[in-house]
Amino acid sequence: AIKRLHPHLEGEEDFVSMFLDEARLAARIRHPNCVPTLDVEDQEGLYL
């Protein structure tokens, strides 16, 4: 699953930080009952 931040929000610091927070927190949780984040990319848009 690829979750991409809306392009019009990529210049909004609060939204970008919130998006990265989600990636960092979800990547830390290693449990079969939580959906893990596998990677973060910033190519042609910011996405998890």
All heavy atoms as atom14 arrays in JSON, in Angstrom:
{
  "sequence": "AIKRLHPHLEGEEDFVSMFLDEARLAARIRHPNCVPTLDVEDQEGLYL",
  "atom14_mask": [
    [1, 1, 1, 1, 1, 0, 0, 0, 0, 0, 0, 0, 0, 0],
    [1, 1, 1, 1, 1, 1, 1, 1, 0, 0, 0, 0, 0, 0],
    [1, 1, 1, 1, 1, 1, 1, 1, 1, 0, 0, 0, 0, 0],
    [1, 1, 1, 1, 1, 1, 1, 1, 1, 1, 1, 0, 0, 0],
    [1, 1, 1, 1, 1, 1, 1, 1, 0, 0, 0, 0, 0, 0],
    [1, 1, 1, 1, 1, 1, 1, 1, 1, 1, 0, 0, 0, 0],
    [1, 1, 1, 1, 1, 1, 1, 0, 0, 0, 0, 0, 0, 0],
    [1, 1, 1, 1, 1, 1, 1, 1, 1, 1, 0, 0, 0, 0],
    [1, 1, 1, 1, 1, 1, 1, 1, 0, 0, 0, 0, 0, 0],
    [1, 1, 1, 1, 1, 1, 1, 1, 1, 0, 0, 0, 0, 0],
    [1, 1, 1, 1, 0, 0, 0, 0, 0, 0, 0, 0, 0, 0],
    [1, 1, 1, 1, 1, 1, 1, 1, 1, 0, 0, 0, 0, 0],
    [1, 1, 1, 1, 1, 1, 1, 1, 1, 0, 0, 0, 0, 0],
    [1, 1, 1, 1, 1, 1, 1, 1, 0, 0, 0, 0, 0, 0],
    [1, 1, 1, 1, 1, 1, 1, 1, 1, 1, 1, 0, 0, 0],
    [1, 1, 1, 1, 1, 1, 1, 0, 0, 0, 0, 0, 0, 0],
    [1, 1, 1, 1, 1, 1, 0, 0, 0, 0, 0, 0, 0, 0],
    [1, 1, 1, 1, 1, 1, 1, 1, 0, 0, 0, 0, 0, 0],
    [1, 1, 1, 1, 1, 1, 1, 1, 1, 1, 1, 0, 0, 0],
    [1, 1, 1, 1, 1, 1, 1, 1, 0, 0, 0, 0, 0, 0],
    [1, 1, 1, 1, 1, 1, 1, 1, 0, 0, 0, 0, 0, 0],
    [1, 1, 1, 1, 1, 1, 1, 1, 1, 0, 0, 0, 0, 0],
    [1, 1, 1, 1, 1, 0, 0, 0, 0, 0, 0, 0, 0, 0],
    [1, 1, 1, 1, 1, 1, 1, 1, 1, 1, 1, 0, 0, 0],
    [1, 1, 1, 1, 1, 1, 1, 1, 0, 0, 0, 0, 0, 0],
    [1, 1, 1, 1, 1, 0, 0, 0, 0, 0, 0, 0, 0, 0],
    [1, 1, 1, 1, 1, 0, 0, 0, 0, 0, 0, 0, 0, 0],
    [1, 1, 1, 1, 1, 1, 1, 1, 1, 1, 1, 0, 0, 0],
    [1, 1, 1, 1, 1, 1, 1, 1, 0, 0, 0, 0, 0, 0],
    [1, 1, 1, 1, 1, 1, 1, 1, 1, 1, 1, 0, 0, 0],
    [1, 1, 1, 1, 1, 1, 1, 1, 1, 1, 0, 0, 0, 0],
    [1, 1, 1, 1, 1, 1, 1, 0, 0, 0, 0, 0, 0, 0],
    [1, 1, 1, 1, 1, 1, 1, 1, 0, 0, 0, 0, 0, 0],
    [1, 1, 1, 1, 1, 1, 0, 0, 0, 0, 0, 0, 0, 0],
    [1, 1, 1, 1, 1, 1, 1, 0, 0, 0, 0, 0, 0, 0],
    [1, 1, 1, 1, 1, 1, 1, 0, 0, 0, 0, 0, 0, 0],
    [1, 1, 1, 1, 1, 1, 1, 0, 0, 0, 0, 0, 0, 0],
    [1, 1, 1, 1, 1, 1, 1, 1, 0, 0, 0, 0, 0, 0],
    [1, 1, 1, 1, 1, 1, 1, 1, 0, 0, 0, 0, 0, 0],
    [1, 1, 1, 1, 1, 1, 1, 0, 0, 0, 0, 0, 0, 0],
    [1, 1, 1, 1, 1, 1, 1, 1, 1, 0, 0, 0, 0, 0],
    [1, 1, 1, 1, 1, 1, 1, 1, 0, 0, 0, 0, 0, 0],
    [1, 1, 1, 1, 1, 1, 1, 1, 1, 0, 0, 0, 0, 0],
    [1, 1, 1, 1, 1, 1, 1, 1, 1, 0, 0, 0, 0, 0],
    [1, 1, 1, 1, 0, 0, 0, 0, 0, 0, 0, 0, 0, 0],
    [1, 1, 1, 1, 1, 1, 1, 1, 0, 0, 0, 0, 0, 0],
    [1, 1, 1, 1, 1, 1, 1, 1, 1, 1, 1, 1, 0, 0],
    [1, 1, 1, 1, 1, 1, 1, 1, 0, 0, 0, 0, 0, 0]
  ],
  "atom14_positions": [
    [[0.86, -1.18, 0.0], [0.0, 0.0, 0.0], [0.9, 1.23, 0.0], [1.86, 1.3, 0.77], [-0.91, 0.0, 1.22], [0.0, 0.0, 0.0], [0.0, 0.0, 0.0], [0.0, 0.0, 0.0], [0.0, 0.0, 0.0], [0.0, 0.0, 0.0], [0.0, 0.0, 0.0], [0.0, 0.0, 0.0], [0.0, 0.0, 0.0], [0.0, 0.0, 0.0]],
    [[0.61, 2.17, -0.88], [1.4, 3.4, -0.98], [0.51, 4.58, -0.57], [-0.51, 4.85, -1.19], [1.92, 3.62, -2.42], [2.81, 2.45, -2.82], [2.67, 4.93, -2.53], [3.24, 2.47, -4.28], [0.0, 0.0, 0.0], [0.0, 0.0, 0.0], [0.0, 0.0, 0.0], [0.0, 0.0, 0.0], [0.0, 0.0, 0.0], [0.0, 0.0, 0.0]],
    [[0.9, 5.23, 0.51], [0.13, 6.36, 1.03], [0.87, 7.65, 0.68], [1.95, 7.91, 1.22], [-0.05, 6.23, 2.54], [-0.94, 7.29, 3.16], [-1.2, 6.98, 4.63], [-2.17, 7.97, 5.26], [-2.46, 7.63, 6.67], [0.0, 0.0, 0.0], [0.0, 0.0, 0.0], [0.0, 0.0, 0.0], [0.0, 0.0, 0.0], [0.0, 0.0, 0.0]],
    [[0.31, 8.43, -0.21], [0.98, 9.63, -0.7], [0.31, 10.89, -0.16], [-0.91, 11.05, -0.24], [0.96, 9.67, -2.22], [1.62, 10.92, -2.78], [1.67, 10.95, -4.28], [2.26, 12.21, -4.74], [2.49, 12.51, -6.02], [2.2, 11.63, -6.95], [3.01, 13.66, -6.35], [0.0, 0.0, 0.0], [0.0, 0.0, 0.0], [0.0, 0.0, 0.0]],
    [[1.12, 11.77, 0.4], [0.62, 13.06, 0.88], [0.1, 13.85, -0.3], [0.71, 13.89, -1.37], [1.75, 13.83, 1.57], [1.38, 15.15, 2.25], [0.48, 14.91, 3.44], [2.65, 15.89, 2.69], [0.0, 0.0, 0.0], [0.0, 0.0, 0.0], [0.0, 0.0, 0.0], [0.0, 0.0, 0.0], [0.0, 0.0, 0.0], [0.0, 0.0, 0.0]],
    [[-1.06, 14.5, -0.13], [-1.62, 15.3, -1.21], [-0.6, 16.36, -1.65], [0.01, 17.04, -0.79], [-2.9, 16.0, -0.77], [-4.05, 15.07, -0.54], [-4.34, 14.0, -1.36], [-5.02, 15.04, 0.43], [-5.41, 13.37, -0.92], [-5.83, 13.98, 0.17], [0.0, 0.0, 0.0], [0.0, 0.0, 0.0], [0.0, 0.0, 0.0], [0.0, 0.0, 0.0]],
    [[-0.39, 16.53, -2.96], [0.62, 17.48, -3.45], [0.47, 18.89, -2.89], [1.46, 19.56, -2.62], [0.41, 17.45, -4.97], [-0.12, 16.08, -5.24], [-1.01, 15.76, -4.07], [0.0, 0.0, 0.0], [0.0, 0.0, 0.0], [0.0, 0.0, 0.0], [0.0, 0.0, 0.0], [0.0, 0.0, 0.0], [0.0, 0.0, 0.0], [0.0, 0.0, 0.0]],
    [[-0.78, 19.34, -2.71], [-0.97, 20.72, -2.24], [-0.6, 20.9, -0.77], [-0.53, 22.03, -0.27], [-2.43, 21.17, -2.46], [-3.44, 20.46, -1.6], [-3.98, 19.23, -1.94], [-4.0, 20.79, -0.41], [-4.83, 18.85, -1.01], [-4.86, 19.78, -0.07], [0.0, 0.0, 0.0], [0.0, 0.0, 0.0], [0.0, 0.0, 0.0], [0.0, 0.0, 0.0]],
    [[-0.32, 19.77, -0.05], [0.08, 19.85, 1.36], [1.59, 19.71, 1.54], [2.08, 19.86, 2.66], [-0.63, 18.76, 2.17], [-2.16, 18.83, 2.24], [-2.7, 17.66, 3.04], [-2.61, 20.16, 2.85], [0.0, 0.0, 0.0], [0.0, 0.0, 0.0], [0.0, 0.0, 0.0], [0.0, 0.0, 0.0], [0.0, 0.0, 0.0], [0.0, 0.0, 0.0]],
    [[2.31, 19.43, 0.47], [3.74, 19.17, 0.6], [4.54, 20.41, 1.01], [5.66, 20.29, 1.49], [4.29, 18.6, -0.72], [3.79, 17.19, -0.98], [4.27, 16.65, -2.32], [5.05, 17.34, -3.0], [3.85, 15.54, -2.69], [0.0, 0.0, 0.0], [0.0, 0.0, 0.0], [0.0, 0.0, 0.0], [0.0, 0.0, 0.0], [0.0, 0.0, 0.0]],
    [[3.95, 21.58, 0.84], [4.61, 22.8, 1.29], [4.19, 23.24, 2.68], [4.69, 24.25, 3.2], [0.0, 0.0, 0.0], [0.0, 0.0, 0.0], [0.0, 0.0, 0.0], [0.0, 0.0, 0.0], [0.0, 0.0, 0.0], [0.0, 0.0, 0.0], [0.0, 0.0, 0.0], [0.0, 0.0, 0.0], [0.0, 0.0, 0.0], [0.0, 0.0, 0.0]],
    [[3.29, 22.45, 3.31], [2.8, 22.79, 4.65], [3.59, 22.0, 5.69], [3.48, 20.78, 5.78], [1.31, 22.46, 4.76], [0.42, 23.18, 3.77], [0.29, 24.66, 4.09], [0.5, 25.02, 5.27], [-0.02, 25.44, 3.18], [0.0, 0.0, 0.0], [0.0, 0.0, 0.0], [0.0, 0.0, 0.0], [0.0, 0.0, 0.0], [0.0, 0.0, 0.0]],
    [[4.4, 22.7, 6.47], [5.32, 22.04, 7.39], [4.6, 21.14, 8.39], [5.06, 20.03, 8.69], [6.15, 23.09, 8.14], [7.21, 22.5, 9.05], [8.05, 23.57, 9.72], [7.98, 24.74, 9.31], [8.79, 23.22, 10.65], [0.0, 0.0, 0.0], [0.0, 0.0, 0.0], [0.0, 0.0, 0.0], [0.0, 0.0, 0.0], [0.0, 0.0, 0.0]],
    [[3.46, 21.6, 8.92], [2.74, 20.81, 9.92], [2.28, 19.47, 9.34], [2.38, 18.43, 10.0], [1.53, 21.58, 10.45], [1.94, 22.63, 11.48], [3.13, 22.66, 11.85], [1.07, 23.41, 11.91], [0.0, 0.0, 0.0], [0.0, 0.0, 0.0], [0.0, 0.0, 0.0], [0.0, 0.0, 0.0], [0.0, 0.0, 0.0], [0.0, 0.0, 0.0]],
    [[1.76, 19.5, 8.11], [1.25, 18.28, 7.5], [2.39, 17.33, 7.15], [2.27, 16.12, 7.32], [0.42, 18.61, 6.26], [-0.94, 19.14, 6.57], [-1.2, 20.51, 6.52], [-1.97, 18.3, 6.94], [-2.45, 21.01, 6.82], [-3.23, 18.78, 7.24], [-3.48, 20.13, 7.18], [0.0, 0.0, 0.0], [0.0, 0.0, 0.0], [0.0, 0.0, 0.0]],
    [[3.49, 17.87, 6.65], [4.64, 17.04, 6.33], [5.18, 16.37, 7.59], [5.47, 15.17, 7.61], [5.75, 17.87, 5.64], [7.03, 17.04, 5.51], [5.29, 18.34, 4.27], [0.0, 0.0, 0.0], [0.0, 0.0, 0.0], [0.0, 0.0, 0.0], [0.0, 0.0, 0.0], [0.0, 0.0, 0.0], [0.0, 0.0, 0.0], [0.0, 0.0, 0.0]],
    [[5.29, 17.13, 8.69], [5.78, 16.58, 9.95], [4.85, 15.51, 10.48], [5.29, 14.46, 10.98], [5.95, 17.7, 10.99], [6.94, 18.62, 10.59], [0.0, 0.0, 0.0], [0.0, 0.0, 0.0], [0.0, 0.0, 0.0], [0.0, 0.0, 0.0], [0.0, 0.0, 0.0], [0.0, 0.0, 0.0], [0.0, 0.0, 0.0], [0.0, 0.0, 0.0]],
    [[3.54, 15.73, 10.39], [2.56, 14.76, 10.85], [2.67, 13.46, 10.04], [2.6, 12.35, 10.57], [1.15, 15.34, 10.74], [0.08, 14.54, 11.45], [-1.57, 15.24, 11.24], [-1.32, 16.89, 11.9], [0.0, 0.0, 0.0], [0.0, 0.0, 0.0], [0.0, 0.0, 0.0], [0.0, 0.0, 0.0], [0.0, 0.0, 0.0], [0.0, 0.0, 0.0]],
    [[2.88, 13.62, 8.74], [3.02, 12.48, 7.84], [4.26, 11.66, 8.2], [4.22, 10.42, 8.28], [3.11, 13.0, 6.41], [2.81, 11.99, 5.35], [1.53, 11.48, 5.18], [3.8, 11.55, 4.49], [1.24, 10.56, 4.19], [3.54, 10.63, 3.49], [2.26, 10.13, 3.34], [0.0, 0.0, 0.0], [0.0, 0.0, 0.0], [0.0, 0.0, 0.0]],
    [[5.37, 12.35, 8.45], [6.61, 11.66, 8.82], [6.5, 11.04, 10.2], [7.08, 9.97, 10.46], [7.78, 12.64, 8.76], [8.13, 13.17, 7.36], [9.23, 14.23, 7.45], [8.57, 12.04, 6.46], [0.0, 0.0, 0.0], [0.0, 0.0, 0.0], [0.0, 0.0, 0.0], [0.0, 0.0, 0.0], [0.0, 0.0, 0.0], [0.0, 0.0, 0.0]],
    [[5.76, 11.69, 11.1], [5.52, 11.12, 12.42], [4.86, 9.75, 12.3], [5.23, 8.79, 12.98], [4.6, 12.04, 13.24], [5.35, 13.17, 13.91], [6.57, 13.04, 14.09], [4.72, 14.17, 14.25], [0.0, 0.0, 0.0], [0.0, 0.0, 0.0], [0.0, 0.0, 0.0], [0.0, 0.0, 0.0], [0.0, 0.0, 0.0], [0.0, 0.0, 0.0]],
    [[3.84, 9.68, 11.43], [3.12, 8.42, 11.25], [4.08, 7.33, 10.8], [4.06, 6.2, 11.31], [2.0, 8.58, 10.22], [1.29, 7.26, 9.95], [0.17, 7.38, 8.94], [-0.05, 8.48, 8.39], [-0.5, 6.36, 8.7], [0.0, 0.0, 0.0], [0.0, 0.0, 0.0], [0.0, 0.0, 0.0], [0.0, 0.0, 0.0], [0.0, 0.0, 0.0]],
    [[4.95, 7.66, 9.83], [5.9, 6.68, 9.32], [6.84, 6.21, 10.43], [7.09, 5.01, 10.59], [6.71, 7.29, 8.18], [0.0, 0.0, 0.0], [0.0, 0.0, 0.0], [0.0, 0.0, 0.0], [0.0, 0.0, 0.0], [0.0, 0.0, 0.0], [0.0, 0.0, 0.0], [0.0, 0.0, 0.0], [0.0, 0.0, 0.0], [0.0, 0.0, 0.0]],
    [[7.36, 7.15, 11.2], [8.33, 6.81, 12.22], [7.71, 5.98, 13.34], [8.3, 4.99, 13.8], [8.94, 8.09, 12.8], [10.04, 7.83, 13.8], [10.67, 9.11, 14.27], [9.71, 9.96, 14.98], [10.06, 11.07, 15.63], [11.32, 11.46, 15.64], [9.16, 11.78, 16.26], [0.0, 0.0, 0.0], [0.0, 0.0, 0.0], [0.0, 0.0, 0.0]],
    [[6.51, 6.35, 13.77], [5.87, 5.62, 14.85], [5.45, 4.22, 14.41], [5.68, 3.24, 15.12], [4.65, 6.4, 15.35], [4.95, 7.71, 16.09], [3.66, 8.48, 16.33], [5.67, 7.46, 17.39], [0.0, 0.0, 0.0], [0.0, 0.0, 0.0], [0.0, 0.0, 0.0], [0.0, 0.0, 0.0], [0.0, 0.0, 0.0], [0.0, 0.0, 0.0]],
    [[4.83, 4.13, 13.23], [4.36, 2.82, 12.76], [5.53, 1.88, 12.5], [5.41, 0.66, 12.7], [3.53, 2.99, 11.5], [0.0, 0.0, 0.0], [0.0, 0.0, 0.0], [0.0, 0.0, 0.0], [0.0, 0.0, 0.0], [0.0, 0.0, 0.0], [0.0, 0.0, 0.0], [0.0, 0.0, 0.0], [0.0, 0.0, 0.0], [0.0, 0.0, 0.0]],
    [[6.66, 2.42, 12.06], [7.83, 1.57, 11.79], [8.4, 0.98, 13.07], [9.03, -0.08, 13.06], [8.9, 2.38, 11.06], [0.0, 0.0, 0.0], [0.0, 0.0, 0.0], [0.0, 0.0, 0.0], [0.0, 0.0, 0.0], [0.0, 0.0, 0.0], [0.0, 0.0, 0.0], [0.0, 0.0, 0.0], [0.0, 0.0, 0.0], [0.0, 0.0, 0.0]],
    [[8.2, 1.66, 14.2], [8.73, 1.18, 15.49], [7.89, 0.03, 16.05], [8.39, -0.79, 16.82], [8.73, 2.32, 16.51], [9.91, 3.26, 16.39], [9.87, 4.27, 17.52], [11.07, 5.08, 17.55], [12.18, 4.76, 18.18], [12.24, 3.62, 18.84], [13.24, 5.54, 18.16], [0.0, 0.0, 0.0], [0.0, 0.0, 0.0], [0.0, 0.0, 0.0]],
    [[6.62, -0.01, 15.7], [5.73, -1.01, 16.28], [5.88, -2.32, 15.5], [5.46, -2.42, 14.35], [4.26, -0.55, 16.24], [4.1, 0.82, 16.91], [3.36, -1.57, 16.93], [2.75, 1.46, 16.69], [0.0, 0.0, 0.0], [0.0, 0.0, 0.0], [0.0, 0.0, 0.0], [0.0, 0.0, 0.0], [0.0, 0.0, 0.0], [0.0, 0.0, 0.0]],
    [[6.46, -3.3, 16.11], [6.64, -4.6, 15.46], [5.7, -5.61, 16.12], [6.03, -6.23, 17.13], [8.11, -5.05, 15.58], [9.06, -4.11, 14.88], [10.51, -4.55, 15.05], [11.43, -3.62, 14.4], [11.95, -2.54, 14.97], [11.61, -2.26, 16.22], [12.78, -1.76, 14.32], [0.0, 0.0, 0.0], [0.0, 0.0, 0.0], [0.0, 0.0, 0.0]],
    [[4.52, -5.69, 15.56], [3.5, -6.56, 16.14], [2.58, -7.04, 15.02], [2.24, -6.26, 14.13], [2.7, -5.81, 17.21], [1.85, -6.7, 18.06], [0.59, -7.11, 17.66], [2.08, -7.29, 19.26], [0.08, -7.9, 18.6], [0.96, -8.02, 19.58], [0.0, 0.0, 0.0], [0.0, 0.0, 0.0], [0.0, 0.0, 0.0], [0.0, 0.0, 0.0]],
    [[2.16, -8.3, 15.04], [1.32, -8.83, 13.96], [-0.04, -8.17, 13.83], [-0.71, -8.34, 12.81], [1.19, -10.32, 14.31], [1.53, -10.43, 15.75], [2.54, -9.36, 16.01], [0.0, 0.0, 0.0], [0.0, 0.0, 0.0], [0.0, 0.0, 0.0], [0.0, 0.0, 0.0], [0.0, 0.0, 0.0], [0.0, 0.0, 0.0], [0.0, 0.0, 0.0]],
    [[-0.46, -7.41, 14.86], [-1.77, -6.76, 14.81], [-1.68, -5.26, 14.57], [-2.61, -4.51, 14.87], [-2.56, -7.05, 16.08], [-2.82, -8.53, 16.29], [-2.43, -9.09, 17.3], [-3.46, -9.18, 15.31], [0.0, 0.0, 0.0], [0.0, 0.0, 0.0], [0.0, 0.0, 0.0], [0.0, 0.0, 0.0], [0.0, 0.0, 0.0], [0.0, 0.0, 0.0]],
    [[-0.56, -4.82, 14.01], [-0.39, -3.43, 13.57], [0.17, -3.44, 12.16], [1.03, -4.26, 11.82], [0.57, -2.68, 14.49], [-0.07, -2.35, 16.15], [0.0, 0.0, 0.0], [0.0, 0.0, 0.0], [0.0, 0.0, 0.0], [0.0, 0.0, 0.0], [0.0, 0.0, 0.0], [0.0, 0.0, 0.0], [0.0, 0.0, 0.0], [0.0, 0.0, 0.0]],
    [[-0.32, -2.53, 11.32], [0.18, -2.43, 9.95], [1.52, -1.7, 9.96], [1.6, -0.55, 10.39], [-0.81, -1.67, 9.05], [-0.25, -1.52, 7.63], [-2.16, -2.4, 9.0], [0.0, 0.0, 0.0], [0.0, 0.0, 0.0], [0.0, 0.0, 0.0], [0.0, 0.0, 0.0], [0.0, 0.0, 0.0], [0.0, 0.0, 0.0], [0.0, 0.0, 0.0]],
    [[2.6, -2.35, 9.5], [3.92, -1.71, 9.56], [4.19, -0.79, 8.37], [3.64, -0.98, 7.28], [4.88, -2.9, 9.52], [4.14, -3.93, 8.73], [2.69, -3.74, 9.06], [0.0, 0.0, 0.0], [0.0, 0.0, 0.0], [0.0, 0.0, 0.0], [0.0, 0.0, 0.0], [0.0, 0.0, 0.0], [0.0, 0.0, 0.0], [0.0, 0.0, 0.0]],
    [[5.01, 0.23, 8.59], [5.54, 1.06, 7.52], [6.85, 0.45, 7.07], [7.74, 0.18, 7.88], [5.77, 2.5, 8.01], [4.52, 3.07, 8.39], [6.37, 3.36, 6.9], [0.0, 0.0, 0.0], [0.0, 0.0, 0.0], [0.0, 0.0, 0.0], [0.0, 0.0, 0.0], [0.0, 0.0, 0.0], [0.0, 0.0, 0.0], [0.0, 0.0, 0.0]],
    [[6.98, 0.23, 5.77], [8.16, -0.44, 5.22], [9.21, 0.54, 4.72], [10.4, 0.25, 4.75], [7.74, -1.37, 4.08], [6.64, -2.38, 4.41], [6.26, -3.17, 3.17], [7.08, -3.31, 5.53], [0.0, 0.0, 0.0], [0.0, 0.0, 0.0], [0.0, 0.0, 0.0], [0.0, 0.0, 0.0], [0.0, 0.0, 0.0], [0.0, 0.0, 0.0]],
    [[8.77, 1.72, 4.26], [9.73, 2.66, 3.68], [9.08, 4.03, 3.58], [7.85, 4.17, 3.6], [10.15, 2.18, 2.29], [11.48, 2.78, 1.84], [12.06, 3.58, 2.6], [11.93, 2.46, 0.73], [0.0, 0.0, 0.0], [0.0, 0.0, 0.0], [0.0, 0.0, 0.0], [0.0, 0.0, 0.0], [0.0, 0.0, 0.0], [0.0, 0.0, 0.0]],
    [[9.91, 5.04, 3.45], [9.47, 6.42, 3.19], [10.25, 6.91, 1.98], [11.46, 6.75, 1.91], [9.73, 7.36, 4.38], [9.24, 8.76, 4.06], [9.06, 6.84, 5.64], [0.0, 0.0, 0.0], [0.0, 0.0, 0.0], [0.0, 0.0, 0.0], [0.0, 0.0, 0.0], [0.0, 0.0, 0.0], [0.0, 0.0, 0.0], [0.0, 0.0, 0.0]],
    [[9.56, 7.5, 1.02], [10.21, 8.0, -0.18], [9.79, 9.44, -0.44], [8.69, 9.85, -0.06], [9.84, 7.13, -1.4], [10.38, 5.71, -1.35], [11.87, 5.63, -1.61], [12.46, 6.66, -2.01], [12.45, 4.54, -1.41], [0.0, 0.0, 0.0], [0.0, 0.0, 0.0], [0.0, 0.0, 0.0], [0.0, 0.0, 0.0], [0.0, 0.0, 0.0]],
    [[10.67, 10.17, -1.08], [10.38, 11.56, -1.45], [10.79, 11.76, -2.9], [11.65, 12.58, -3.22], [11.13, 12.53, -0.52], [10.62, 13.96, -0.68], [9.62, 14.16, -1.39], [11.24, 14.87, -0.09], [0.0, 0.0, 0.0], [0.0, 0.0, 0.0], [0.0, 0.0, 0.0], [0.0, 0.0, 0.0], [0.0, 0.0, 0.0], [0.0, 0.0, 0.0]],
    [[10.2, 10.97, -3.77], [10.46, 11.06, -5.2], [9.13, 11.32, -5.9], [8.21, 10.53, -5.8], [11.07, 9.75, -5.73], [12.38, 9.38, -5.05], [12.89, 8.03, -5.55], [12.49, 7.56, -6.6], [13.78, 7.43, -4.78], [0.0, 0.0, 0.0], [0.0, 0.0, 0.0], [0.0, 0.0, 0.0], [0.0, 0.0, 0.0], [0.0, 0.0, 0.0]],
    [[9.06, 12.46, -6.59], [7.81, 12.86, -7.24], [6.68, 12.88, -6.22], [5.55, 12.45, -6.5], [7.48, 11.92, -8.39], [8.54, 11.89, -9.48], [8.17, 10.96, -10.61], [7.03, 10.48, -10.64], [9.04, 10.7, -11.47], [0.0, 0.0, 0.0], [0.0, 0.0, 0.0], [0.0, 0.0, 0.0], [0.0, 0.0, 0.0], [0.0, 0.0, 0.0]],
    [[6.97, 13.36, -5.03], [5.99, 13.42, -3.96], [6.44, 12.63, -2.74], [7.28, 11.74, -2.83], [0.0, 0.0, 0.0], [0.0, 0.0, 0.0], [0.0, 0.0, 0.0], [0.0, 0.0, 0.0], [0.0, 0.0, 0.0], [0.0, 0.0, 0.0], [0.0, 0.0, 0.0], [0.0, 0.0, 0.0], [0.0, 0.0, 0.0], [0.0, 0.0, 0.0]],
    [[5.87, 12.97, -1.59], [6.22, 12.3, -0.33], [5.23, 11.17, -0.09], [4.01, 11.39, -0.1], [6.16, 13.31, 0.82], [6.56, 12.82, 2.21], [8.01, 12.34, 2.23], [6.35, 13.93, 3.23], [0.0, 0.0, 0.0], [0.0, 0.0, 0.0], [0.0, 0.0, 0.0], [0.0, 0.0, 0.0], [0.0, 0.0, 0.0], [0.0, 0.0, 0.0]],
    [[5.73, 9.95, 0.11], [4.82, 8.84, 0.33], [5.43, 7.78, 1.24], [6.64, 7.66, 1.37], [4.37, 8.21, -0.99], [5.47, 7.68, -1.88], [5.92, 6.37, -1.77], [6.05, 8.48, -2.86], [6.91, 5.87, -2.59], [7.04, 8.0, -3.69], [7.46, 6.68, -3.56], [8.45, 6.19, -4.38], [0.0, 0.0, 0.0], [0.0, 0.0, 0.0]],
    [[4.52, 7.04, 1.88], [4.89, 5.92, 2.74], [4.58, 4.63, 2.0], [3.58, 4.54, 1.29], [4.08, 5.93, 4.04], [3.92, 7.23, 4.82], [3.09, 6.97, 6.07], [5.26, 7.83, 5.17], [0.0, 0.0, 0.0], [0.0, 0.0, 0.0], [0.0, 0.0, 0.0], [0.0, 0.0, 0.0], [0.0, 0.0, 0.0], [0.0, 0.0, 0.0]]
  ]
}
